[in-house]
Amino acid sequence: MTNTTTDLIARADAAADAAPNGSFLRELSAELRKLKRERDEAAQQWQPIDTAPKTGRTLLLGYPNALGNWRTTRGQWMSDEYIAEYWEEPENGEAGWYETAVEAEDPPNCWCIEPTHWMPLPAPPTVDAAIKSGSEG
């Protein structure tokens, strides 16, 4: 059975409340919260591309462009298997990092790139926040 950090924190809090002397469990819970916060903050920082998941998940990718300016784009790792299954002309592609444009209807809708860094996409806004933001314009 796998427990998430959030589940472990909740269980430590509950045990601390139920224990006659729950100070150790409260300290443990506080440390877990701190570690979770640090992990979550680290996940929202640029990381070297060799640490990126090659699962096909969409990520933010970054690299210095030809002029030396930082370029941030959306993209994903595409494996040979993915290319063979989903590309119209798989013989024109090879496994690697690709900038992706879902909105593009005409080929190509992805371009091979050589990113140096990656970061997970941020969580999307809640539907209520998106509606409210859209009505303020």
C-alpha atoms as a PDB file:
ATOM      1  CA  MET A   1       0.000   0.000   0.000  1.00  0.00           C
ATOM      2  CA  THR A   2       1.395   3.377  -1.029  1.00  0.00           C
ATOM      3  CA  ASN A   3       0.741   6.487   1.027  1.00  0.00           C
ATOM      4  CA  THR A   4       1.128   9.974  -0.331  1.00  0.00           C
ATOM      5  CA  THR A   5       2.956  12.551   1.735  1.00  0.00           C
ATOM      6  CA  THR A   6      -0.358  14.320   2.353  1.00  0.00           C
ATOM      7  CA  ASP A   7      -1.874  11.078   3.690  1.00  0.00           C
ATOM      8  CA  LEU A   8       1.114  10.526   5.978  1.00  0.00           C
ATOM      9  CA  ILE A   9       0.845  14.066   7.330  1.00  0.00           C
ATOM     10  CA  ALA A  10      -2.863  13.580   8.069  1.00  0.00           C
ATOM     11  CA  ARG A  11      -2.182  10.257   9.801  1.00  0.00           C
ATOM     12  CA  ALA A  12       0.617  11.785  11.912  1.00  0.00           C
ATOM     13  CA  ASP A  13      -1.681  14.666  12.901  1.00  0.00           C
ATOM     14  CA  ALA A  14      -4.464  12.262  13.880  1.00  0.00           C
ATOM     15  CA  ALA A  15      -2.072  10.074  15.869  1.00  0.00           C
ATOM     16  CA  ALA A  16      -0.629  13.138  17.635  1.00  0.00           C
ATOM     17  CA  ASP A  17      -4.122  14.257  18.645  1.00  0.00           C
ATOM     18  CA  ALA A  18      -4.949  10.784  19.975  1.00  0.00           C
ATOM     19  CA  ALA A  19      -1.644  10.150  21.776  1.00  0.00           C
ATOM     20  CA  PRO A  20      -1.243  11.095  25.446  1.00  0.00           C
ATOM     21  CA  ASN A  21       2.011  12.875  24.578  1.00  0.00           C
ATOM     22  CA  GLY A  22       1.895  13.617  20.859  1.00  0.00           C
ATOM     23  CA  SER A  23       4.800  16.074  20.704  1.00  0.00           C
ATOM     24  CA  PHE A  24       7.027  13.674  18.731  1.00  0.00           C
ATOM     25  CA  LEU A  25       4.248  13.055  16.226  1.00  0.00           C
ATOM     26  CA  ARG A  26       3.601  16.789  15.920  1.00  0.00           C
ATOM     27  CA  GLU A  27       7.315  17.322  15.215  1.00  0.00           C
ATOM     28  CA  LEU A  28       7.203  14.514  12.657  1.00  0.00           C
ATOM     29  CA  SER A  29       4.146  16.041  11.000  1.00  0.00           C
ATOM     30  CA  ALA A  30       5.807  19.479  10.875  1.00  0.00           C
ATOM     31  CA  GLU A  31       8.929  17.976   9.293  1.00  0.00           C
ATOM     32  CA  LEU A  32       6.826  16.121   6.710  1.00  0.00           C
ATOM     33  CA  ARG A  33       5.045  19.384   5.837  1.00  0.00           C
ATOM     34  CA  LYS A  34       8.415  21.119   5.427  1.00  0.00           C
ATOM     35  CA  LEU A  35       9.783  18.350   3.197  1.00  0.00           C
ATOM     36  CA  LYS A  36       6.609  18.329   1.089  1.00  0.00           C
ATOM     37  CA  ARG A  37       6.774  22.115   0.653  1.00  0.00           C
ATOM     38  CA  GLU A  38      10.448  21.905  -0.378  1.00  0.00           C
ATOM     39  CA  ARG A  39       9.703  19.092  -2.818  1.00  0.00           C
ATOM     40  CA  ASP A  40       6.773  20.985  -4.326  1.00  0.00           C
ATOM     41  CA  GLU A  41       8.877  24.153  -4.685  1.00  0.00           C
ATOM     42  CA  ALA A  42      11.749  22.216  -6.271  1.00  0.00           C
ATOM     43  CA  ALA A  43       9.332  20.700  -8.782  1.00  0.00           C
ATOM     44  CA  GLN A  44       8.501  24.213  -9.998  1.00  0.00           C
ATOM     45  CA  GLN A  45      12.139  25.073 -10.768  1.00  0.00           C
ATOM     46  CA  TRP A  46      14.041  24.504 -14.009  1.00  0.00           C
ATOM     47  CA  GLN A  47      15.782  21.142 -13.900  1.00  0.00           C
ATOM     48  CA  PRO A  48      18.433  19.629 -16.213  1.00  0.00           C
ATOM     49  CA  ILE A  49      16.880  17.861 -19.195  1.00  0.00           C
ATOM     50  CA  ASP A  50      18.557  14.549 -18.295  1.00  0.00           C
ATOM     51  CA  THR A  51      16.227  14.381 -15.262  1.00  0.00           C
ATOM     52  CA  ALA A  52      13.045  14.861 -17.328  1.00  0.00           C
ATOM     53  CA  PRO A  53      10.486  12.054 -17.562  1.00  0.00           C
ATOM     54  CA  LYS A  54      10.452  10.455 -21.008  1.00  0.00           C
ATOM     55  CA  THR A  55       6.839   9.348 -20.718  1.00  0.00           C
ATOM     56  CA  GLY A  56       5.239  11.502 -23.401  1.00  0.00           C
ATOM     57  CA  ARG A  57       3.837  13.838 -20.738  1.00  0.00           C
ATOM     58  CA  THR A  58       3.670  17.485 -21.839  1.00  0.00           C
ATOM     59  CA  LEU A  59       6.266  19.650 -20.084  1.00  0.00           C
ATOM     60  CA  LEU A  60       7.726  23.121 -20.235  1.00  0.00           C
ATOM     61  CA  LEU A  61      11.036  22.873 -22.077  1.00  0.00           C
ATOM     62  CA  GLY A  62      13.724  25.517 -22.282  1.00  0.00           C
ATOM     63  CA  TYR A  63      16.977  26.188 -24.057  1.00  0.00           C
ATOM     64  CA  PRO A  64      19.097  29.089 -25.327  1.00  0.00           C
ATOM     65  CA  ASN A  65      18.113  29.957 -28.895  1.00  0.00           C
ATOM     66  CA  ALA A  66      20.506  30.794 -31.743  1.00  0.00           C
ATOM     67  CA  LEU A  67      20.834  34.367 -30.429  1.00  0.00           C
ATOM     68  CA  GLY A  68      21.625  33.177 -26.919  1.00  0.00           C
ATOM     69  CA  ASN A  69      18.219  34.217 -25.546  1.00  0.00           C
ATOM     70  CA  TRP A  70      16.248  31.858 -23.330  1.00  0.00           C
ATOM     71  CA  ARG A  71      13.370  30.175 -25.109  1.00  0.00           C
ATOM     72  CA  THR A  72      10.547  28.456 -23.250  1.00  0.00           C
ATOM     73  CA  THR A  73       8.177  26.167 -25.089  1.00  0.00           C
ATOM     74  CA  ARG A  74       5.725  23.366 -24.508  1.00  0.00           C
ATOM     75  CA  GLY A  75       6.848  19.942 -25.607  1.00  0.00           C
ATOM     76  CA  GLN A  76       7.308  16.255 -24.905  1.00  0.00           C
ATOM     77  CA  TRP A  77       9.569  13.252 -25.424  1.00  0.00           C
ATOM     78  CA  MET A  78       8.443  11.135 -28.360  1.00  0.00           C
ATOM     79  CA  SER A  79       9.701   7.561 -28.448  1.00  0.00           C
ATOM     80  CA  ASP A  80      10.263   5.504 -31.597  1.00  0.00           C
ATOM     81  CA  GLU A  81       7.131   3.539 -30.673  1.00  0.00           C
ATOM     82  CA  TYR A  82       5.035   6.709 -30.328  1.00  0.00           C
ATOM     83  CA  ILE A  83       6.287   8.038 -33.662  1.00  0.00           C
ATOM     84  CA  ALA A  84       5.589   4.716 -35.436  1.00  0.00           C
ATOM     85  CA  GLU A  85       2.046   4.610 -34.073  1.00  0.00           C
ATOM     86  CA  TYR A  86       0.905   8.233 -34.370  1.00  0.00           C
ATOM     87  CA  TRP A  87       2.883   9.933 -37.124  1.00  0.00           C
ATOM     88  CA  GLU A  88       1.593   9.912 -40.703  1.00  0.00           C
ATOM     89  CA  GLU A  89       5.158   9.549 -41.970  1.00  0.00           C
ATOM     90  CA  PRO A  90       7.088   7.826 -39.174  1.00  0.00           C
ATOM     91  CA  GLU A  91      10.159   7.336 -41.352  1.00  0.00           C
ATOM     92  CA  ASN A  92      10.737  11.109 -41.059  1.00  0.00           C
ATOM     93  CA  GLY A  93      11.123  11.083 -37.279  1.00  0.00           C
ATOM     94  CA  GLU A  94      13.293   9.657 -34.572  1.00  0.00           C
ATOM     95  CA  ALA A  95      12.988   9.520 -30.803  1.00  0.00           C
ATOM     96  CA  GLY A  96      13.680  12.814 -29.107  1.00  0.00           C
ATOM     97  CA  TRP A  97      12.308  16.017 -27.616  1.00  0.00           C
ATOM     98  CA  TYR A  98       9.691  17.834 -29.664  1.00  0.00           C
ATOM     99  CA  GLU A  99       8.043  21.198 -29.340  1.00  0.00           C
ATOM    100  CA  THR A 100       4.338  20.549 -29.740  1.00  0.00           C
ATOM    101  CA  ALA A 101       1.506  22.720 -31.000  1.00  0.00           C
ATOM    102  CA  VAL A 102      -1.851  21.065 -30.461  1.00  0.00           C
ATOM    103  CA  GLU A 103      -3.625  23.949 -32.155  1.00  0.00           C
ATOM    104  CA  ALA A 104      -1.829  23.446 -35.460  1.00  0.00           C
ATOM    105  CA  GLU A 105      -3.958  21.503 -37.905  1.00  0.00           C
ATOM    106  CA  ASP A 106      -1.464  21.317 -40.745  1.00  0.00           C
ATOM    107  CA  PRO A 107       1.729  19.267 -40.536  1.00  0.00           C
ATOM    108  CA  PRO A 108       4.132  19.734 -39.040  1.00  0.00           C
ATOM    109  CA  ASN A 109       2.574  20.283 -35.656  1.00  0.00           C
ATOM    110  CA  CYS A 110       5.742  19.379 -33.781  1.00  0.00           C
ATOM    111  CA  TRP A 111       9.379  20.285 -34.203  1.00  0.00           C
ATOM    112  CA  CYS A 112      12.490  18.480 -32.989  1.00  0.00           C
ATOM    113  CA  ILE A 113      14.349  20.565 -30.403  1.00  0.00           C
ATOM    114  CA  GLU A 114      17.306  20.118 -28.081  1.00  0.00           C
ATOM    115  CA  PRO A 115      16.198  21.506 -24.717  1.00  0.00           C
ATOM    116  CA  THR A 116      18.665  21.900 -21.885  1.00  0.00           C
ATOM    117  CA  HIS A 117      16.083  22.198 -19.092  1.00  0.00           C
ATOM    118  CA  TRP A 118      12.531  21.210 -18.204  1.00  0.00           C
ATOM    119  CA  MET A 119       9.827  22.007 -15.681  1.00  0.00           C
ATOM    120  CA  PRO A 120       6.405  20.455 -15.074  1.00  0.00           C
ATOM    121  CA  LEU A 121       3.411  22.404 -16.303  1.00  0.00           C
ATOM    122  CA  PRO A 122       1.710  24.336 -13.524  1.00  0.00           C
ATOM    123  CA  ALA A 123      -1.686  23.164 -12.372  1.00  0.00           C
ATOM    124  CA  PRO A 124      -4.489  24.745 -14.380  1.00  0.00           C
ATOM    125  CA  PRO A 125      -6.698  27.331 -12.696  1.00  0.00           C
ATOM    126  CA  THR A 126      -9.950  26.134 -11.238  1.00  0.00           C
ATOM    127  CA  VAL A 127     -12.966  26.521 -13.501  1.00  0.00           C
ATOM    128  CA  ASP A 128     -14.401  29.203 -11.187  1.00  0.00           C
ATOM    129  CA  ALA A 129     -11.149  31.201 -11.264  1.00  0.00           C
ATOM    130  CA  ALA A 130     -10.913  30.943 -15.050  1.00  0.00           C
ATOM    131  CA  ILE A 131     -14.508  32.142 -15.478  1.00  0.00           C
ATOM    132  CA  LYS A 132     -13.976  35.013 -13.037  1.00  0.00           C
ATOM    133  CA  SER A 133     -10.723  36.029 -14.725  1.00  0.00           C
ATOM    134  CA  GLY A 134     -12.378  35.969 -18.148  1.00  0.00           C
ATOM    135  CA  SER A 135     -15.233  38.221 -17.000  1.00  0.00           C
ATOM    136  CA  GLU A 136     -12.931  40.919 -15.601  1.00  0.00           C
ATOM    137  CA  GLY A 137     -11.709  42.037 -19.048  1.00  0.00           C
END
